[in-house]
C-alpha atoms as a PDB file:
ATOM      1  CA  UNK A   1     -27.873  13.250  -9.249  1.00  0.00           C
ATOM      2  CA  UNK A   2     -28.086  12.454 -12.831  1.00  0.00           C
ATOM      3  CA  UNK A   3     -26.146   9.671 -14.513  1.00  0.00           C
ATOM      4  CA  UNK A   4     -23.771  12.294 -16.233  1.00  0.00           C
ATOM      5  CA  UNK A   5     -23.154  14.015 -12.941  1.00  0.00           C
ATOM      6  CA  UNK A   6     -22.444  10.709 -11.257  1.00  0.00           C
ATOM      7  CA  UNK A   7     -19.989   9.617 -13.960  1.00  0.00           C
ATOM      8  CA  UNK A   8     -18.123  13.107 -13.702  1.00  0.00           C
ATOM      9  CA  UNK A   9     -18.123  12.692  -9.828  1.00  0.00           C
ATOM     10  CA  UNK A  10     -16.523   9.233 -10.346  1.00  0.00           C
ATOM     11  CA  UNK A  11     -13.902  10.552 -12.589  1.00  0.00           C
ATOM     12  CA  UNK A  12     -12.973  13.379 -10.028  1.00  0.00           C
ATOM     13  CA  UNK A  13     -12.719  10.757  -7.233  1.00  0.00           C
ATOM     14  CA  UNK A  14     -10.399   7.855  -7.810  1.00  0.00           C
ATOM     15  CA  UNK A  15     -10.797   6.490  -4.287  1.00  0.00           C
ATOM     16  CA  UNK A  16     -14.454   6.264  -4.755  1.00  0.00           C
ATOM     17  CA  UNK A  17     -13.838   4.501  -8.085  1.00  0.00           C
ATOM     18  CA  UNK A  18     -11.430   2.012  -6.317  1.00  0.00           C
ATOM     19  CA  UNK A  19     -14.072   1.482  -3.600  1.00  0.00           C
ATOM     20  CA  UNK A  20     -16.848   0.805  -5.943  1.00  0.00           C
ATOM     21  CA  UNK A  21     -14.606  -1.615  -8.066  1.00  0.00           C
ATOM     22  CA  UNK A  22     -13.781  -3.645  -4.965  1.00  0.00           C
ATOM     23  CA  UNK A  23     -17.278  -3.694  -3.698  1.00  0.00           C
ATOM     24  CA  UNK A  24     -18.612  -4.508  -7.141  1.00  0.00           C
ATOM     25  CA  UNK A  25     -16.416  -7.788  -7.089  1.00  0.00           C
ATOM     26  CA  UNK A  26     -18.020  -8.494  -3.778  1.00  0.00           C
ATOM     27  CA  UNK A  27     -21.490  -7.894  -4.884  1.00  0.00           C
ATOM     28  CA  UNK A  28     -20.838 -10.142  -8.032  1.00  0.00           C
ATOM     29  CA  UNK A  29     -19.918 -12.873  -5.802  1.00  0.00           C
ATOM     30  CA  UNK A  30     -22.921 -12.335  -3.556  1.00  0.00           C
ATOM     31  CA  UNK A  31     -25.813 -11.538  -5.899  1.00  0.00           C
ATOM     32  CA  UNK A  32     -28.412 -12.251  -3.223  1.00  0.00           C
ATOM     33  CA  UNK A  33     -27.492  -9.049  -1.479  1.00  0.00           C
ATOM     34  CA  UNK A  34     -28.156  -7.003  -4.558  1.00  0.00           C
ATOM     35  CA  UNK A  35     -31.570  -8.972  -5.011  1.00  0.00           C
ATOM     36  CA  UNK A  36     -32.467  -8.098  -1.391  1.00  0.00           C
ATOM     37  CA  UNK A  37     -31.453  -4.565  -1.847  1.00  0.00           C
ATOM     38  CA  UNK A  38     -33.571  -4.233  -5.046  1.00  0.00           C
ATOM     39  CA  UNK A  39     -36.551  -5.711  -3.191  1.00  0.00           C
ATOM     40  CA  UNK A  40     -36.234  -3.221  -0.250  1.00  0.00           C
ATOM     41  CA  UNK A  41     -35.169   0.184  -1.641  1.00  0.00           C
ATOM     42  CA  UNK A  42     -35.630   1.633   1.792  1.00  0.00           C
ATOM     43  CA  UNK A  43     -32.573  -0.198   2.715  1.00  0.00           C
ATOM     44  CA  UNK A  44     -30.484   2.251   0.834  1.00  0.00           C
ATOM     45  CA  UNK A  45     -31.941   5.257   2.495  1.00  0.00           C
ATOM     46  CA  UNK A  46     -31.642   3.620   5.829  1.00  0.00           C
ATOM     47  CA  UNK A  47     -27.975   2.838   5.120  1.00  0.00           C
ATOM     48  CA  UNK A  48     -27.333   6.446   4.063  1.00  0.00           C
ATOM     49  CA  UNK A  49     -28.986   7.913   7.234  1.00  0.00           C
ATOM     50  CA  UNK A  50     -26.966   5.396   9.510  1.00  0.00           C
ATOM     51  CA  UNK A  51     -23.789   6.751   7.810  1.00  0.00           C
ATOM     52  CA  UNK A  52     -24.678  10.377   8.365  1.00  0.00           C
ATOM     53  CA  UNK A  53     -25.460   9.691  12.126  1.00  0.00           C
ATOM     54  CA  UNK A  54     -22.152   7.931  12.577  1.00  0.00           C
ATOM     55  CA  UNK A  55     -20.102  10.527  10.362  1.00  0.00           C
ATOM     56  CA  UNK A  56     -18.059  11.897  13.203  1.00  0.00           C
ATOM     57  CA  UNK A  57     -17.213   8.480  14.652  1.00  0.00           C
ATOM     58  CA  UNK A  58     -16.204   7.341  11.108  1.00  0.00           C
ATOM     59  CA  UNK A  59     -14.034  10.228  10.416  1.00  0.00           C
ATOM     60  CA  UNK A  60     -12.160   9.806  13.710  1.00  0.00           C
ATOM     61  CA  UNK A  61     -11.563   6.079  12.907  1.00  0.00           C
ATOM     62  CA  UNK A  62     -10.255   7.009   9.310  1.00  0.00           C
ATOM     63  CA  UNK A  63      -7.931   9.523  10.844  1.00  0.00           C
ATOM     64  CA  UNK A  64      -6.551   6.861  13.229  1.00  0.00           C
ATOM     65  CA  UNK A  65      -6.126   4.386  10.355  1.00  0.00           C
ATOM     66  CA  UNK A  66      -4.479   7.124   8.262  1.00  0.00           C
ATOM     67  CA  UNK A  67      -2.130   7.987  11.030  1.00  0.00           C
ATOM     68  CA  UNK A  68      -1.193   4.049  11.444  1.00  0.00           C
ATOM     69  CA  UNK A  69      -0.244   4.007   7.825  1.00  0.00           C
ATOM     70  CA  UNK A  70       2.306   6.667   8.075  1.00  0.00           C
ATOM     71  CA  UNK A  71       5.540   5.005   8.819  1.00  0.00           C
ATOM     72  CA  UNK A  72       7.910   6.576  11.274  1.00  0.00           C
ATOM     73  CA  UNK A  73      11.369   5.641  11.533  1.00  0.00           C
ATOM     74  CA  UNK A  74      12.120   3.294  14.415  1.00  0.00           C
ATOM     75  CA  UNK A  75      14.562   4.576  17.040  1.00  0.00           C
ATOM     76  CA  UNK A  76      17.656   2.556  17.252  1.00  0.00           C
ATOM     77  CA  UNK A  77      18.600   0.980  20.509  1.00  0.00           C
ATOM     78  CA  UNK A  78      21.971  -0.235  21.696  1.00  0.00           C
ATOM     79  CA  UNK A  79      25.407   0.948  20.950  1.00  0.00           C
ATOM     80  CA  UNK A  80      25.950  -1.077  17.796  1.00  0.00           C
ATOM     81  CA  UNK A  81      24.888   0.863  14.709  1.00  0.00           C
ATOM     82  CA  UNK A  82      25.343  -0.782  11.374  1.00  0.00           C
ATOM     83  CA  UNK A  83      26.027   1.682   8.589  1.00  0.00           C
ATOM     84  CA  UNK A  84      25.204   0.520   5.038  1.00  0.00           C
ATOM     85  CA  UNK A  85      28.248   1.277   2.679  1.00  0.00           C
ATOM     86  CA  UNK A  86      27.739   3.514  -0.317  1.00  0.00           C
ATOM     87  CA  UNK A  87      27.912   2.215  -3.923  1.00  0.00           C
ATOM     88  CA  UNK A  88      31.376   3.837  -4.343  1.00  0.00           C
ATOM     89  CA  UNK A  89      32.636   2.046  -1.179  1.00  0.00           C
ATOM     90  CA  UNK A  90      31.149  -1.388  -2.391  1.00  0.00           C
ATOM     91  CA  UNK A  91      32.739  -0.766  -5.909  1.00  0.00           C
ATOM     92  CA  UNK A  92      36.053  -0.118  -4.277  1.00  0.00           C
ATOM     93  CA  UNK A  93      35.987  -3.292  -2.177  1.00  0.00           C
ATOM     94  CA  UNK A  94      34.847  -5.301  -5.160  1.00  0.00           C
ATOM     95  CA  UNK A  95      37.884  -3.951  -7.095  1.00  0.00           C
ATOM     96  CA  UNK A  96      40.281  -4.836  -4.072  1.00  0.00           C
ATOM     97  CA  UNK A  97      38.741  -8.372  -3.991  1.00  0.00           C
ATOM     98  CA  UNK A  98      39.071  -8.847  -7.651  1.00  0.00           C
ATOM     99  CA  UNK A  99      42.861  -7.910  -7.374  1.00  0.00           C
ATOM    100  CA  UNK A 100      43.393 -10.195  -4.521  1.00  0.00           C
ATOM    101  CA  UNK A 101      41.601 -12.998  -6.419  1.00  0.00           C
ATOM    102  CA  UNK A 102      43.741 -12.253  -9.644  1.00  0.00           C
ATOM    103  CA  UNK A 103      46.833 -12.316  -7.434  1.00  0.00           C
ATOM    104  CA  UNK A 104      45.973 -15.726  -5.959  1.00  0.00           C
ATOM    105  CA  UNK A 105      45.261 -17.098  -9.537  1.00  0.00           C
ATOM    106  CA  UNK A 106      48.668 -15.947 -10.908  1.00  0.00           C
ATOM    107  CA  UNK A 107      50.483 -17.406  -7.825  1.00  0.00           C
ATOM    108  CA  UNK A 108      48.540 -20.727  -8.408  1.00  0.00           C
ATOM    109  CA  UNK A 109      49.356 -20.734 -12.186  1.00  0.00           C
ATOM    110  CA  UNK A 110      53.131 -20.173 -11.425  1.00  0.00           C
ATOM    111  CA  UNK A 111      53.084 -23.151  -9.077  1.00  0.00           C
ATOM    112  CA  UNK A 112      51.842 -25.503 -11.621  1.00  0.00           C
END
């Protein structure tokens, strides 16, 4: 794969870009790993072969992780169910409360 093809591939795969950025930060903090990889290039081919051998197992594990990320609504238990009021209901309650407070304030002013 040429440099141009690799750059195009990176542009088309934002997940790979994110992975490379994250691992790039790790490699920057651990330069001895890069040095050992450069001294032993057969490591990269062995790593690639290991990934290909374990491809099925890795894809199953990825599917499990993705399934766990999907949030399912929890079932409610018990008889008590709390319903959140709508904004219109909250606004109405606020208006009623402010009327009550104004009434109390006017009564307090008359008593003075």
